[in-house]
């Protein structure tokens, strides 16, 4: 399989289903070798198999992003095989419970912040050296509209996405004069995913766009020279 991302190495978190899986497939379709990470090995194997059947190339790396040293071990393993990482897609996240701010469960809030913010910083720190080795590195983070526009009962998740967005944009600013790294924040909008189903029970997901639409948009973005700090919302 060949395409505009031929010879590129991509890493996608949360790649066992939904937008992560669709993004991994789209990147592979465009010629990248894609490293798939998520907690669920079975889901990763299904995505890897689909990529291989379509003529693409992928490697699975099951891990829990909030499991202590797992990110460092992953970076060491990838770095021992490849010199540079060209595309990093930070998609893995958790919703948590929707509740009024005074009723937010402290332990669950801690888990949301650990995964949606702390683990994302750890990913950036671990793969920063490999991104710097790429001639045209791209970092794409998946956000939500509630990170910029607060919504009742979405305080925990919204706060985590606001912090995540700020983290990415700060990194973009730090790297702007040092490397050719381009950072983008993508808001997928209403998409038929498991997280959306949890947030809106009873909603007819047939009325929503497929994760494939978002994945293809991310793959297209990864192959362009967008300005660093770019924000993009996927409509359709």
Protein backbone atom coordinates (compact mmCIF):
# COMPACT_ATOMS: atom_id res chain seq x y z
CA UNK A 1 0.00 0.00 0.00
CA UNK A 2 1.34 3.44 -0.90
CA UNK A 3 0.21 6.99 -0.27
CA UNK A 4 1.17 10.44 0.93
CA UNK A 5 2.40 9.04 4.25
CA UNK A 6 4.77 6.45 2.76
CA UNK A 7 7.73 5.82 5.04
CA UNK A 8 6.11 7.59 8.01
CA UNK A 9 5.83 6.05 11.46
CA UNK A 10 2.63 6.86 13.37
CA UNK A 11 1.50 6.06 16.91
CA UNK A 12 -2.18 6.17 17.86
CA UNK A 13 -3.47 5.81 21.43
CA UNK A 14 -6.91 4.40 22.15
CA UNK A 15 -6.67 2.53 18.86
CA UNK A 16 -8.74 -0.55 19.71
CA UNK A 17 -12.09 0.97 18.68
CA UNK A 18 -13.96 4.10 17.65
CA UNK A 19 -12.06 7.15 16.45
CA UNK A 20 -8.67 5.69 17.41
CA UNK A 21 -9.22 2.56 15.35
CA UNK A 22 -10.58 4.55 12.41
CA UNK A 23 -7.60 6.91 12.55
CA UNK A 24 -5.13 4.04 12.61
CA UNK A 25 -6.77 2.45 9.58
CA UNK A 26 -6.81 5.74 7.68
CA UNK A 27 -3.14 6.45 8.42
CA UNK A 28 -2.21 2.94 7.28
CA UNK A 29 -4.34 3.40 4.15
CA UNK A 30 -2.21 6.45 3.35
CA UNK A 31 1.00 4.45 3.68
CA UNK A 32 2.15 4.96 7.28
CA UNK A 33 3.29 2.13 9.51
CA UNK A 34 1.00 2.49 12.51
CA UNK A 35 1.71 1.47 16.10
CA UNK A 36 -1.59 0.72 17.82
CA UNK A 37 -1.91 1.17 21.57
CA UNK A 38 -4.82 0.58 23.96
CA UNK A 39 -5.62 -1.55 26.98
CA UNK A 40 -7.62 -4.15 25.05
CA UNK A 41 -5.33 -6.54 23.20
CA UNK A 42 -8.21 -8.28 21.44
CA UNK A 43 -9.49 -5.03 19.97
CA UNK A 44 -6.01 -4.06 18.84
CA UNK A 45 -5.55 -7.41 17.13
CA UNK A 46 -8.81 -6.89 15.22
CA UNK A 47 -7.70 -3.47 14.03
CA UNK A 48 -4.25 -4.77 13.10
CA UNK A 49 -5.82 -7.63 11.15
CA UNK A 50 -8.10 -5.21 9.26
CA UNK A 51 -5.10 -3.02 8.37
CA UNK A 52 -3.09 -6.00 7.14
CA UNK A 53 -6.01 -7.33 5.09
CA UNK A 54 -6.28 -3.92 3.42
CA UNK A 55 -2.59 -4.06 2.50
CA UNK A 56 -1.33 -1.79 5.27
CA UNK A 57 1.29 -2.17 7.96
CA UNK A 58 0.79 -2.04 11.73
CA UNK A 59 2.22 -3.17 15.06
CA UNK A 60 0.21 -3.57 18.26
CA UNK A 61 1.45 -2.50 21.70
CA UNK A 62 -1.14 -3.18 24.42
CA UNK A 63 -0.70 -0.92 27.45
CA UNK A 64 -2.58 1.01 30.11
CA UNK A 65 -1.61 4.68 29.82
CA UNK A 66 -2.00 5.21 33.56
CA UNK A 67 0.04 2.18 34.54
CA UNK A 68 3.18 3.70 36.04
CA UNK A 69 6.19 3.07 33.81
CA UNK A 70 4.27 1.62 30.84
CA UNK A 71 4.73 4.71 28.67
CA UNK A 72 8.47 4.79 29.27
CA UNK A 73 8.75 1.10 28.41
CA UNK A 74 6.76 1.66 25.22
CA UNK A 75 8.98 4.55 24.16
CA UNK A 76 12.10 2.50 24.84
CA UNK A 77 10.78 -0.43 22.80
CA UNK A 78 9.79 1.76 19.86
CA UNK A 79 13.04 3.74 20.04
CA UNK A 80 15.06 0.53 19.86
CA UNK A 81 13.46 -0.30 16.51
CA UNK A 82 12.87 3.09 14.88
CA UNK A 83 14.84 6.32 14.99
CA UNK A 84 12.04 8.84 14.48
CA UNK A 85 8.33 9.16 15.17
CA UNK A 86 6.56 11.19 12.50
CA UNK A 87 2.96 11.25 13.72
CA UNK A 88 1.64 11.03 17.28
CA UNK A 89 -2.14 10.94 17.73
CA UNK A 90 -3.25 11.35 21.34
CA UNK A 91 -6.75 9.95 21.30
CA UNK A 92 -7.02 7.78 24.44
CA UNK A 93 -9.26 9.34 27.12
CA UNK A 94 -12.07 8.59 29.55
CA UNK A 95 -15.40 10.35 30.08
CA UNK A 96 -16.05 9.70 33.75
CA UNK A 97 -19.45 10.32 35.31
CA UNK A 98 -21.53 13.34 34.35
CA UNK A 99 -22.54 15.16 37.54
CA UNK A 100 -22.87 18.60 39.13
CA UNK A 101 -19.51 20.05 40.16
CA UNK A 102 -20.21 19.75 43.92
CA UNK A 103 -21.03 16.06 43.43
CA UNK A 104 -17.93 15.09 41.43
CA UNK A 105 -16.38 11.98 42.96
CA UNK A 106 -12.82 12.88 43.98
CA UNK A 107 -11.31 9.48 43.18
CA UNK A 108 -12.92 9.29 39.75
CA UNK A 109 -11.96 12.89 39.03
CA UNK A 110 -8.39 11.96 39.84
CA UNK A 111 -8.52 9.09 37.33
CA UNK A 112 -9.98 11.35 34.63
CA UNK A 113 -7.24 13.93 35.14
CA UNK A 114 -4.54 11.26 35.31
CA UNK A 115 -5.53 9.73 31.98
CA UNK A 116 -6.75 12.79 30.09
CA UNK A 117 -3.96 15.12 31.20
CA UNK A 118 -1.16 13.43 33.14
CA UNK A 119 -0.75 10.46 30.79
CA UNK A 120 -0.83 12.79 27.78
CA UNK A 121 2.05 14.84 29.21
CA UNK A 122 3.91 11.60 29.86
CA UNK A 123 3.40 10.56 26.23
CA UNK A 124 4.74 13.87 24.99
CA UNK A 125 7.74 13.67 27.31
CA UNK A 126 8.53 10.09 26.34
CA UNK A 127 8.26 10.62 22.58
CA UNK A 128 9.62 14.16 22.33
CA UNK A 129 13.12 12.86 21.40
CA UNK A 130 11.73 10.71 18.57
CA UNK A 131 9.49 13.53 17.31
CA UNK A 132 12.54 15.81 17.17
CA UNK A 133 14.27 13.25 14.95
CA UNK A 134 11.51 13.46 12.33
CA UNK A 135 11.89 15.82 9.38
CA UNK A 136 8.22 16.81 9.60
CA UNK A 137 6.73 15.71 12.94
CA UNK A 138 3.01 16.00 13.61
CA UNK A 139 1.23 15.84 16.97
CA UNK A 140 -2.57 15.66 16.90
CA UNK A 141 -4.70 15.64 20.04
CA UNK A 142 -8.40 14.81 20.22
CA UNK A 143 -10.41 17.28 22.27
CA UNK A 144 -14.06 18.12 22.97
CA UNK A 145 -16.13 21.27 22.63
CA UNK A 146 -16.74 21.22 26.40
CA UNK A 147 -13.08 22.01 26.94
CA UNK A 148 -13.68 25.52 25.59
CA UNK A 149 -17.44 25.92 26.15
CA UNK A 150 -18.49 24.71 29.64
CA UNK A 151 -21.66 22.65 29.84
CA UNK A 152 -23.68 21.74 32.92
CA UNK A 153 -22.71 18.35 34.42
CA UNK A 154 -19.63 18.02 32.20
CA UNK A 155 -17.27 19.74 34.64
CA UNK A 156 -14.82 16.87 35.23
CA UNK A 157 -14.39 15.88 31.60
CA UNK A 158 -14.50 19.49 30.40
CA UNK A 159 -11.82 20.55 32.88
CA UNK A 160 -9.58 17.70 31.74
CA UNK A 161 -9.95 18.68 28.08
CA UNK A 162 -9.34 22.36 28.81
CA UNK A 163 -6.11 21.38 30.56
CA UNK A 164 -5.18 19.01 27.72
CA UNK A 165 -5.71 21.73 25.10
CA UNK A 166 -3.57 24.16 27.07
CA UNK A 167 -0.86 21.53 27.46
CA UNK A 168 -0.72 20.89 23.72
CA UNK A 169 -0.73 24.56 22.78
CA UNK A 170 2.01 25.30 25.32
CA UNK A 171 4.15 22.51 23.84
CA UNK A 172 3.46 23.91 20.37
CA UNK A 173 4.66 27.35 21.49
CA UNK A 174 7.78 25.91 23.12
CA UNK A 175 8.73 23.98 19.97
CA UNK A 176 7.79 26.64 17.41
CA UNK A 177 11.30 28.06 17.02
CA UNK A 178 13.20 24.87 17.77
CA UNK A 179 11.79 22.16 15.51
CA UNK A 180 9.46 21.73 12.50
CA UNK A 181 6.90 20.08 14.82
CA UNK A 182 3.29 21.00 14.03
CA UNK A 183 0.68 20.55 16.77
CA UNK A 184 -3.05 20.36 16.03
CA UNK A 185 -6.13 20.00 18.23
CA UNK A 186 -9.05 18.17 16.61
CA UNK A 187 -12.64 18.35 17.86
CA UNK A 188 -14.42 15.38 16.28
CA UNK A 189 -17.89 16.75 16.98
CA UNK A 190 -20.87 14.43 17.40
CA UNK A 191 -19.63 10.98 16.37
CA UNK A 192 -21.02 7.47 16.82
CA UNK A 193 -18.65 6.21 19.51
CA UNK A 194 -18.96 4.27 22.76
CA UNK A 195 -18.09 7.41 24.75
CA UNK A 196 -20.86 9.34 23.01
CA UNK A 197 -23.28 6.50 23.75
CA UNK A 198 -22.40 6.68 27.45
CA UNK A 199 -22.87 10.44 27.48
CA UNK A 200 -26.14 10.44 25.55
CA UNK A 201 -27.99 7.16 26.30
CA UNK A 202 -30.93 6.62 24.01
CA UNK A 203 -29.53 8.78 21.22
CA UNK A 204 -29.90 7.24 17.76
CA UNK A 205 -26.28 6.83 16.69
CA UNK A 206 -27.41 6.22 13.13
CA UNK A 207 -27.96 9.99 12.95
CA UNK A 208 -24.32 10.69 13.79
CA UNK A 209 -21.24 10.60 11.59
CA UNK A 210 -19.09 7.50 11.59
CA UNK A 211 -15.69 7.40 13.31
CA UNK A 212 -14.31 6.70 9.82
CA UNK A 213 -15.13 10.28 8.82
CA UNK A 214 -13.05 11.59 11.72
CA UNK A 215 -10.22 9.12 11.12
CA UNK A 216 -9.95 10.09 7.48
CA UNK A 217 -9.94 13.79 8.40
CA UNK A 218 -7.10 13.22 10.89
CA UNK A 219 -5.08 11.27 8.32
CA UNK A 220 -5.52 14.07 5.79
CA UNK A 221 -4.46 16.63 8.39
CA UNK A 222 -1.37 14.58 9.26
CA UNK A 223 -0.21 14.87 5.66
CA UNK A 224 -0.55 18.65 5.42
CA UNK A 225 1.52 21.66 6.49
CA UNK A 226 -1.00 23.12 8.91
CA UNK A 227 0.23 25.92 11.20
CA UNK A 228 1.25 24.73 14.65
CA UNK A 229 -1.46 25.30 17.23
CA UNK A 230 -4.11 24.67 14.56
CA UNK A 231 -7.64 23.87 15.76
CA UNK A 232 -9.93 21.84 13.54
CA UNK A 233 -13.51 20.66 14.00
CA UNK A 234 -14.72 17.72 11.94
CA UNK A 235 -18.13 18.44 10.49
CA UNK A 236 -20.27 16.14 8.40
